[in-house]
Amino acid sequence: MRGDTCCGSNSDDGSVRNNASAGPQGHFTGFKCRIHSPLWNVCATREQNRRYALLVAIVLELMIKFTNDSIDMFDRMIGSMFAKTAQVKAERFHAGGKVIVERMDLLAAG
């Protein structure tokens, strides 16, 4: 199994051999393992930073989406409230008009 021990691996006979080989980008590092390679540490840190940046970008996009959706929902609620108010006002106006017509008929008859 590769990497049983830091800076070496156990061979079948129990001895530890040096794992100095090409690094993550194909460059010879001269170090015994990837754990102690400065290039590997930089690449691993960049990968972690890239993942963190991606996570932050996704969270920001979701915040923007949820904010826009909540504003749209609020606009729809306010719009429906104004529509209902206008409808009630129109119904009252028509009902009041009928009462006025009835009273005018009473005055005209009397």
Protein backbone atom coordinates (compact mmCIF):
# COMPACT_ATOMS: atom_id res chain seq x y z
CA MET A 1 0.00 0.00 0.00
CA ARG A 2 1.46 3.36 -0.97
CA GLY A 3 2.00 5.92 1.76
CA ASP A 4 1.74 3.61 4.79
CA THR A 5 4.29 5.76 6.55
CA CYS A 6 5.20 9.37 6.08
CA CYS A 7 8.13 9.82 3.71
CA GLY A 8 8.20 6.18 2.70
CA SER A 9 6.14 3.09 2.17
CA ASN A 10 6.49 -0.40 3.48
CA SER A 11 7.56 -2.91 0.92
CA ASP A 12 6.69 -6.58 1.06
CA ASP A 13 9.82 -7.42 3.01
CA GLY A 14 9.06 -4.82 5.72
CA SER A 15 11.73 -2.34 4.69
CA VAL A 16 10.91 1.32 4.09
CA ARG A 17 11.89 2.81 0.74
CA ASN A 18 12.03 6.45 -0.35
CA ASN A 19 9.04 7.73 -2.36
CA ALA A 20 10.83 10.69 -3.97
CA SER A 21 9.00 11.04 -7.26
CA ALA A 22 7.27 13.51 -9.49
CA GLY A 23 4.96 15.95 -7.68
CA PRO A 24 1.35 16.71 -8.49
CA GLN A 25 2.26 18.66 -11.64
CA GLY A 26 4.92 16.24 -12.90
CA HIS A 27 7.89 18.10 -11.36
CA PHE A 28 10.46 16.24 -9.33
CA THR A 29 10.18 17.59 -5.80
CA GLY A 30 13.17 15.93 -4.19
CA PHE A 31 11.13 15.39 -1.05
CA LYS A 32 10.28 12.03 0.40
CA CYS A 33 6.49 12.35 0.17
CA ARG A 34 3.68 14.61 -0.98
CA ILE A 35 2.92 15.62 2.60
CA HIS A 36 6.25 17.39 2.99
CA SER A 37 6.43 18.78 -0.55
CA PRO A 38 6.02 22.59 -0.59
CA LEU A 39 4.52 22.41 -4.08
CA TRP A 40 1.96 19.87 -2.92
CA ASN A 41 1.08 22.06 0.08
CA VAL A 42 0.60 25.07 -2.18
CA CYS A 43 -1.58 23.07 -4.56
CA ALA A 44 -3.61 21.64 -1.70
CA THR A 45 -4.06 25.12 -0.21
CA ARG A 46 -5.13 26.49 -3.59
CA GLU A 47 -7.61 23.65 -3.96
CA GLN A 48 -9.05 24.37 -0.51
CA ASN A 49 -9.22 28.09 -1.33
CA ARG A 50 -10.88 27.31 -4.67
CA ARG A 51 -13.48 25.14 -2.96
CA TYR A 52 -14.09 27.79 -0.32
CA ALA A 53 -14.43 30.49 -2.98
CA LEU A 54 -16.85 28.30 -4.92
CA LEU A 55 -18.89 27.69 -1.77
CA VAL A 56 -18.98 31.42 -1.01
CA ALA A 57 -20.04 32.20 -4.59
CA ILE A 58 -22.86 29.63 -4.41
CA VAL A 59 -24.06 31.00 -1.07
CA LEU A 60 -24.02 34.56 -2.41
CA GLU A 61 -25.95 33.49 -5.52
CA LEU A 62 -28.55 31.77 -3.32
CA MET A 63 -28.84 34.85 -1.12
CA ILE A 64 -29.44 37.01 -4.19
CA LYS A 65 -31.99 34.52 -5.57
CA PHE A 66 -33.88 34.28 -2.26
CA THR A 67 -33.85 38.07 -1.88
CA ASN A 68 -35.22 38.58 -5.40
CA ASP A 69 -37.86 35.88 -4.86
CA SER A 70 -38.96 37.44 -1.57
CA ILE A 71 -39.20 40.90 -3.17
CA ASP A 72 -41.28 39.44 -6.04
CA MET A 73 -43.55 37.68 -3.54
CA PHE A 74 -43.97 40.91 -1.56
CA ASP A 75 -44.81 42.81 -4.77
CA ARG A 76 -47.45 40.22 -5.66
CA MET A 77 -48.96 40.44 -2.16
CA ILE A 78 -49.12 44.24 -2.28
CA GLY A 79 -50.53 44.14 -5.82
CA SER A 80 -53.27 41.69 -4.83
CA MET A 81 -54.10 43.84 -1.79
CA PHE A 82 -54.52 46.93 -3.99
CA ALA A 83 -56.62 44.94 -6.48
CA LYS A 84 -58.92 43.69 -3.71
CA THR A 85 -59.23 47.22 -2.31
CA ALA A 86 -60.12 48.61 -5.74
CA GLN A 87 -62.71 45.87 -6.21
CA VAL A 88 -64.31 46.58 -2.80
CA LYS A 89 -64.33 50.31 -3.59
CA ALA A 90 -66.03 49.69 -6.94
CA GLU A 91 -68.64 47.43 -5.31
CA ARG A 92 -69.41 50.07 -2.68
CA PHE A 93 -69.64 52.75 -5.35
CA HIS A 94 -72.12 50.68 -7.37
CA ALA A 95 -74.13 49.85 -4.25
CA GLY A 96 -74.18 53.55 -3.30
CA GLY A 97 -75.27 54.44 -6.84
CA LYS A 98 -78.23 52.09 -6.56
CA VAL A 99 -79.30 53.73 -3.29
CA ILE A 100 -79.05 57.18 -4.87
CA VAL A 101 -81.16 56.06 -7.85
CA GLU A 102 -83.82 54.64 -5.50
CA ARG A 103 -83.94 57.91 -3.52
CA MET A 104 -84.17 59.99 -6.69
CA ASP A 105 -87.10 57.82 -7.77
CA LEU A 106 -88.77 58.48 -4.38
CA LEU A 107 -88.27 62.23 -4.75
CA ALA A 108 -89.55 62.20 -8.32
CA ALA A 109 -92.64 60.21 -7.32
CA GLY A 110 -93.41 62.35 -4.33
